Amino acid sequence: MNYTFEQFKNEIYAITDIDLNSYKERQMKRRIDSFLGSNGCPEYYKAVNLIRTDSEFRTEFIEYITINVSEFFRNPEQWEYLEKEIIPMLKDKPKVRIWSAACSTGDEPYTLAMIFLKYLPRTRLSILATDIDAKAISMAKEGVYSHKSIASVPKEYLQYFTKNEAGKYVISDEIKKCVTFKKHNLFKDEYPININLLVCRNVLIYFTEEKKNEIFKQYYKSLARGGVLFLGNTEQVVNYRDIGFDRKASFFYEKK
């Protein structure tokens, strides 16, 4: 006897705390079926048993469905806007509090650290980076990246990377010390508050419209007055006025 997809989603939530109902169903079901088929267990009930009993398989499954795709300075023109228009709004604060939500393997919070250190001493910079995937958080803390990950890093920032014997690039301790990593579930955990810059890019596109709207409202509450939400290049807050945001530019929203 096999589970229905609804039963499968309920079992996954019970085991992992990941609510698959928050994702666009057709898209997520296709990803899950592909993953299970390629791992030789297309039946949902068998997959649930494996996810429950095999920690390695469970970790691989979580990493796959949480879609950890990231790179340094992704969409460079957005980072240019951040540096030219947003940082001047924030840099005179006693401490700039940044939250990099759904940070994956750390590329974006480390990008933020490199840029902000041009304008602020580390003592006035606080970067919290969170993700639901514990393995991604572990990789972020290690700070070791492929050549592909750093391909878009401007020359001025390459000083923060050292090539190791395996041909990977290790980020410097100076940048690591700027970022605190923590596991966080956007669907159930408490959100940080008094944030000046909230970065969440290329993640919400996978969620249902209802869940996105809930998260945007939560992000608004997280931000301090005058704080800025920075989204990815395929994302927007359609009802930003209703929530209370002012649109600064494409992908940038200010809490008034």
Protein backbone atom coordinates (compact mmCIF):
# COMPACT_ATOMS: atom_id res chain seq x y z
CA MET A 1 0.00 0.00 0.00
CA ASN A 2 1.38 3.37 -0.99
CA TYR A 3 0.79 6.80 0.52
CA THR A 4 -0.98 9.54 -1.39
CA PHE A 5 1.07 12.70 -1.88
CA GLU A 6 -1.01 14.38 0.84
CA GLN A 7 -0.13 11.60 3.29
CA PHE A 8 3.51 11.83 2.23
CA LYS A 9 3.56 15.58 2.94
CA ASN A 10 2.07 15.03 6.40
CA GLU A 11 4.67 12.39 7.23
CA ILE A 12 7.52 14.63 6.03
CA TYR A 13 6.27 17.47 8.21
CA ALA A 14 6.15 15.17 11.24
CA ILE A 15 9.72 13.98 10.63
CA THR A 16 11.48 17.15 9.39
CA ASP A 17 9.29 20.16 10.35
CA ILE A 18 9.28 21.13 6.66
CA ASP A 19 5.77 22.05 5.52
CA LEU A 20 5.57 21.00 1.86
CA ASN A 21 2.11 22.60 1.64
CA SER A 22 3.90 25.97 1.65
CA TYR A 23 5.57 25.19 -1.68
CA LYS A 24 3.98 25.30 -5.13
CA GLU A 25 2.66 21.75 -5.32
CA ARG A 26 3.20 20.85 -8.96
CA GLN A 27 6.76 22.11 -8.88
CA MET A 28 7.61 20.43 -5.57
CA LYS A 29 5.92 17.12 -6.42
CA ARG A 30 7.91 16.94 -9.65
CA ARG A 31 11.17 17.52 -7.76
CA ILE A 32 10.32 14.93 -5.12
CA ASP A 33 9.23 12.29 -7.63
CA SER A 34 12.43 12.86 -9.60
CA PHE A 35 14.57 12.54 -6.46
CA LEU A 36 12.84 9.38 -5.25
CA GLY A 37 12.93 7.78 -8.69
CA SER A 38 16.65 8.46 -9.12
CA ASN A 39 17.26 6.90 -5.68
CA GLY A 40 15.32 3.74 -6.49
CA CYS A 41 12.35 4.25 -4.16
CA PRO A 42 9.48 5.85 -6.09
CA GLU A 43 6.89 4.62 -3.58
CA TYR A 44 6.08 7.29 -1.00
CA TYR A 45 5.69 4.89 1.94
CA LYS A 46 9.13 3.38 1.30
CA ALA A 47 10.62 6.85 1.00
CA VAL A 48 9.06 7.88 4.32
CA ASN A 49 10.57 4.84 6.04
CA LEU A 50 13.98 5.66 4.61
CA ILE A 51 13.72 9.33 5.59
CA ARG A 52 12.71 8.29 9.10
CA THR A 53 15.44 5.66 9.64
CA ASP A 54 18.38 6.62 7.39
CA SER A 55 19.96 9.90 8.52
CA GLU A 56 22.16 10.14 5.42
CA PHE A 57 19.19 9.72 3.09
CA ARG A 58 17.15 12.19 5.17
CA THR A 59 19.91 14.80 4.94
CA GLU A 60 20.20 14.30 1.18
CA PHE A 61 16.42 14.60 0.76
CA ILE A 62 16.21 17.82 2.81
CA GLU A 63 19.14 19.34 0.94
CA TYR A 64 17.48 18.53 -2.38
CA ILE A 65 14.00 19.86 -1.64
CA THR A 66 15.19 23.07 0.01
CA ILE A 67 16.86 24.04 -3.28
CA ASN A 68 20.28 25.30 -2.17
CA VAL A 69 21.46 27.31 -5.13
CA SER A 70 23.63 30.32 -4.39
CA GLU A 71 26.72 32.21 -5.50
CA PHE A 72 28.68 35.30 -4.55
CA PHE A 73 27.46 38.61 -6.04
CA ARG A 74 24.58 36.95 -7.88
CA ASN A 75 22.97 39.55 -10.20
CA PRO A 76 25.78 42.15 -9.81
CA GLU A 77 23.62 45.16 -10.73
CA GLN A 78 21.51 44.58 -7.61
CA TRP A 79 24.58 44.61 -5.40
CA GLU A 80 25.70 47.83 -7.09
CA TYR A 81 22.36 49.42 -6.20
CA LEU A 82 22.72 48.19 -2.62
CA GLU A 83 26.14 49.80 -2.35
CA LYS A 84 25.23 53.10 -3.99
CA GLU A 85 21.72 53.67 -2.65
CA ILE A 86 21.00 51.50 0.39
CA ILE A 87 24.26 51.52 2.34
CA PRO A 88 24.29 55.36 2.53
CA MET A 89 20.86 55.09 4.21
CA LEU A 90 22.21 52.74 6.86
CA LYS A 91 25.89 53.37 7.46
CA ASP A 92 25.47 56.13 10.08
CA LYS A 93 23.55 53.90 12.46
CA PRO A 94 25.41 52.89 15.64
CA LYS A 95 25.08 49.28 14.53
CA VAL A 96 23.72 47.95 11.25
CA ARG A 97 21.69 44.79 11.86
CA ILE A 98 21.40 42.52 8.81
CA TRP A 99 19.46 39.29 8.42
CA SER A 100 20.27 37.02 5.48
CA ALA A 101 17.28 34.66 5.45
CA ALA A 102 17.42 31.32 3.61
CA CYS A 103 21.15 31.91 3.21
CA SER A 104 21.98 28.45 1.81
CA THR A 105 25.75 27.86 1.84
CA GLY A 106 26.69 31.36 2.97
CA ASP A 107 27.54 33.05 -0.32
CA GLU A 108 25.16 35.98 0.21
CA PRO A 109 25.88 36.83 3.86
CA TYR A 110 29.60 36.73 3.09
CA THR A 111 28.97 38.98 0.08
CA LEU A 112 27.19 41.39 2.41
CA ALA A 113 30.11 41.31 4.85
CA MET A 114 32.66 42.12 2.15
CA ILE A 115 30.67 45.09 0.86
CA PHE A 116 29.74 46.56 4.25
CA LEU A 117 33.31 46.31 5.59
CA LYS A 118 34.25 48.97 3.03
CA TYR A 119 32.07 51.43 4.96
CA LEU A 120 31.86 50.19 8.53
CA PRO A 121 34.17 48.63 11.12
CA ARG A 122 33.22 45.10 12.07
CA THR A 123 32.16 46.28 15.54
CA ARG A 124 29.27 48.21 13.98
CA LEU A 125 28.10 45.35 11.78
CA SER A 126 25.89 42.45 12.82
CA ILE A 127 24.96 39.82 10.22
CA LEU A 128 22.67 36.94 11.11
CA ALA A 129 22.44 34.24 8.41
CA THR A 130 19.81 31.51 8.65
CA ASP A 131 18.61 28.49 6.72
CA ILE A 132 16.37 25.48 7.32
CA ASP A 133 19.03 23.06 6.02
CA ALA A 134 21.57 22.11 8.72
CA LYS A 135 24.01 20.75 6.14
CA ALA A 136 23.97 24.04 4.22
CA ILE A 137 24.64 25.91 7.46
CA SER A 138 27.57 23.60 8.21
CA MET A 139 29.04 24.24 4.76
CA ALA A 140 28.56 27.98 5.21
CA LYS A 141 30.48 27.93 8.48
CA GLU A 142 33.36 26.10 6.76
CA GLY A 143 33.45 28.79 4.07
CA VAL A 144 34.97 26.65 1.31
CA TYR A 145 33.77 27.31 -2.26
CA SER A 146 34.27 26.18 -5.84
CA HIS A 147 35.61 28.37 -8.62
CA LYS A 148 32.09 28.56 -10.06
CA SER A 149 30.72 30.01 -6.80
CA ILE A 150 33.19 32.89 -6.79
CA ALA A 151 33.17 33.53 -10.55
CA SER A 152 31.28 36.82 -10.14
CA VAL A 153 33.35 38.17 -7.25
CA PRO A 154 34.88 41.57 -8.22
CA LYS A 155 38.67 41.73 -8.17
CA GLU A 156 38.75 44.02 -5.15
CA TYR A 157 37.22 41.28 -3.00
CA LEU A 158 39.34 38.34 -4.16
CA GLN A 159 41.78 39.24 -1.36
CA TYR A 160 39.35 37.55 1.01
CA PHE A 161 39.83 34.12 -0.60
CA THR A 162 42.72 31.68 -0.40
CA LYS A 163 43.03 28.71 -2.73
CA ASN A 164 43.64 25.44 -0.88
CA GLU A 165 45.41 22.27 -2.01
CA ALA A 166 42.16 20.79 -3.34
CA GLY A 167 41.66 23.76 -5.66
CA LYS A 168 38.81 25.19 -3.54
CA TYR A 169 38.57 28.76 -2.28
CA VAL A 170 38.49 29.40 1.47
CA ILE A 171 37.02 32.66 2.74
CA SER A 172 39.06 34.62 5.25
CA ASP A 173 38.47 34.63 9.01
CA GLU A 174 38.01 38.40 8.82
CA ILE A 175 34.83 37.86 6.80
CA LYS A 176 33.72 34.78 8.75
CA LYS A 177 33.79 36.76 11.99
CA CYS A 178 31.17 39.14 10.61
CA VAL A 179 28.50 36.45 10.26
CA THR A 180 26.59 34.36 12.78
CA PHE A 181 24.89 31.28 11.29
CA LYS A 182 21.79 29.69 12.75
CA LYS A 183 19.23 27.11 11.69
CA HIS A 184 15.81 28.71 11.17
CA ASN A 185 12.46 27.60 9.75
CA LEU A 186 10.59 30.49 8.10
CA PHE A 187 7.29 28.66 8.58
CA LYS A 188 7.42 28.11 12.34
CA ASP A 189 10.34 29.80 14.11
CA GLU A 190 10.33 33.26 15.68
CA TYR A 191 11.68 36.03 13.45
CA PRO A 192 14.42 38.43 14.62
CA ILE A 193 13.42 42.07 15.12
CA ASN A 194 14.89 45.57 14.61
CA ILE A 195 16.58 44.50 11.39
CA ASN A 196 17.97 47.27 9.16
CA LEU A 197 18.51 45.15 6.05
CA LEU A 198 16.70 41.88 5.37
CA VAL A 199 18.04 39.88 2.43
CA CYS A 200 16.02 36.94 1.09
CA ARG A 201 16.73 36.26 -2.57
CA ASN A 202 15.50 33.66 -5.05
CA VAL A 203 13.76 31.53 -2.43
CA LEU A 204 10.19 32.77 -2.12
CA ILE A 205 9.49 32.00 -5.78
CA TYR A 206 9.02 28.37 -4.76
CA PHE A 207 6.29 29.15 -2.21
CA THR A 208 2.54 29.53 -2.69
CA GLU A 209 1.15 33.07 -2.98
CA GLU A 210 -0.57 32.70 0.39
CA LYS A 211 2.64 31.64 2.13
CA LYS A 212 4.67 34.39 0.42
CA ASN A 213 2.21 37.00 1.64
CA GLU A 214 2.47 35.68 5.20
CA ILE A 215 6.25 35.83 5.06
CA PHE A 216 6.29 39.38 3.63
CA LYS A 217 4.10 40.52 6.54
CA GLN A 218 6.49 38.83 8.97
CA TYR A 219 9.46 40.46 7.26
CA TYR A 220 7.78 43.84 7.65
CA LYS A 221 7.49 43.24 11.39
CA SER A 222 11.14 42.15 11.55
CA LEU A 223 12.41 45.36 10.00
CA ALA A 224 13.13 48.48 12.00
CA ARG A 225 11.60 51.72 10.77
CA GLY A 226 13.52 52.70 7.62
CA GLY A 227 14.75 49.13 7.20
CA VAL A 228 15.03 47.62 3.73
CA LEU A 229 13.92 44.27 2.27
CA PHE A 230 16.17 43.04 -0.57
CA LEU A 231 14.67 40.33 -2.83
CA GLY A 232 15.91 38.32 -5.82
CA ASN A 233 15.56 39.33 -9.44
CA THR A 234 12.46 37.16 -10.05
CA GLU A 235 10.59 38.28 -6.93
CA GLN A 236 8.35 41.17 -5.95
CA VAL A 237 5.95 42.22 -3.22
CA VAL A 238 2.82 42.73 -5.27
CA ASN A 239 0.77 44.29 -2.46
CA TYR A 240 3.66 46.17 -0.85
CA ARG A 241 1.56 49.28 -0.14
CA ASP A 242 -1.02 47.23 1.74
CA ILE A 243 1.69 45.75 3.94
CA GLY A 244 3.32 49.15 4.58
CA PHE A 245 6.36 49.10 2.31
CA ASP A 246 7.60 51.85 0.02
CA ARG A 247 9.23 50.52 -3.14
CA LYS A 248 12.72 51.98 -3.48
CA ALA A 249 13.57 50.20 -6.73
CA SER A 250 13.05 46.80 -8.31
CA PHE A 251 13.64 44.22 -5.56
CA PHE A 252 14.15 46.81 -2.78
CA TYR A 253 11.37 47.74 -0.34
CA GLU A 254 11.62 50.17 2.59
CA LYS A 255 9.58 50.00 5.77
CA LYS A 256 8.12 53.47 6.32
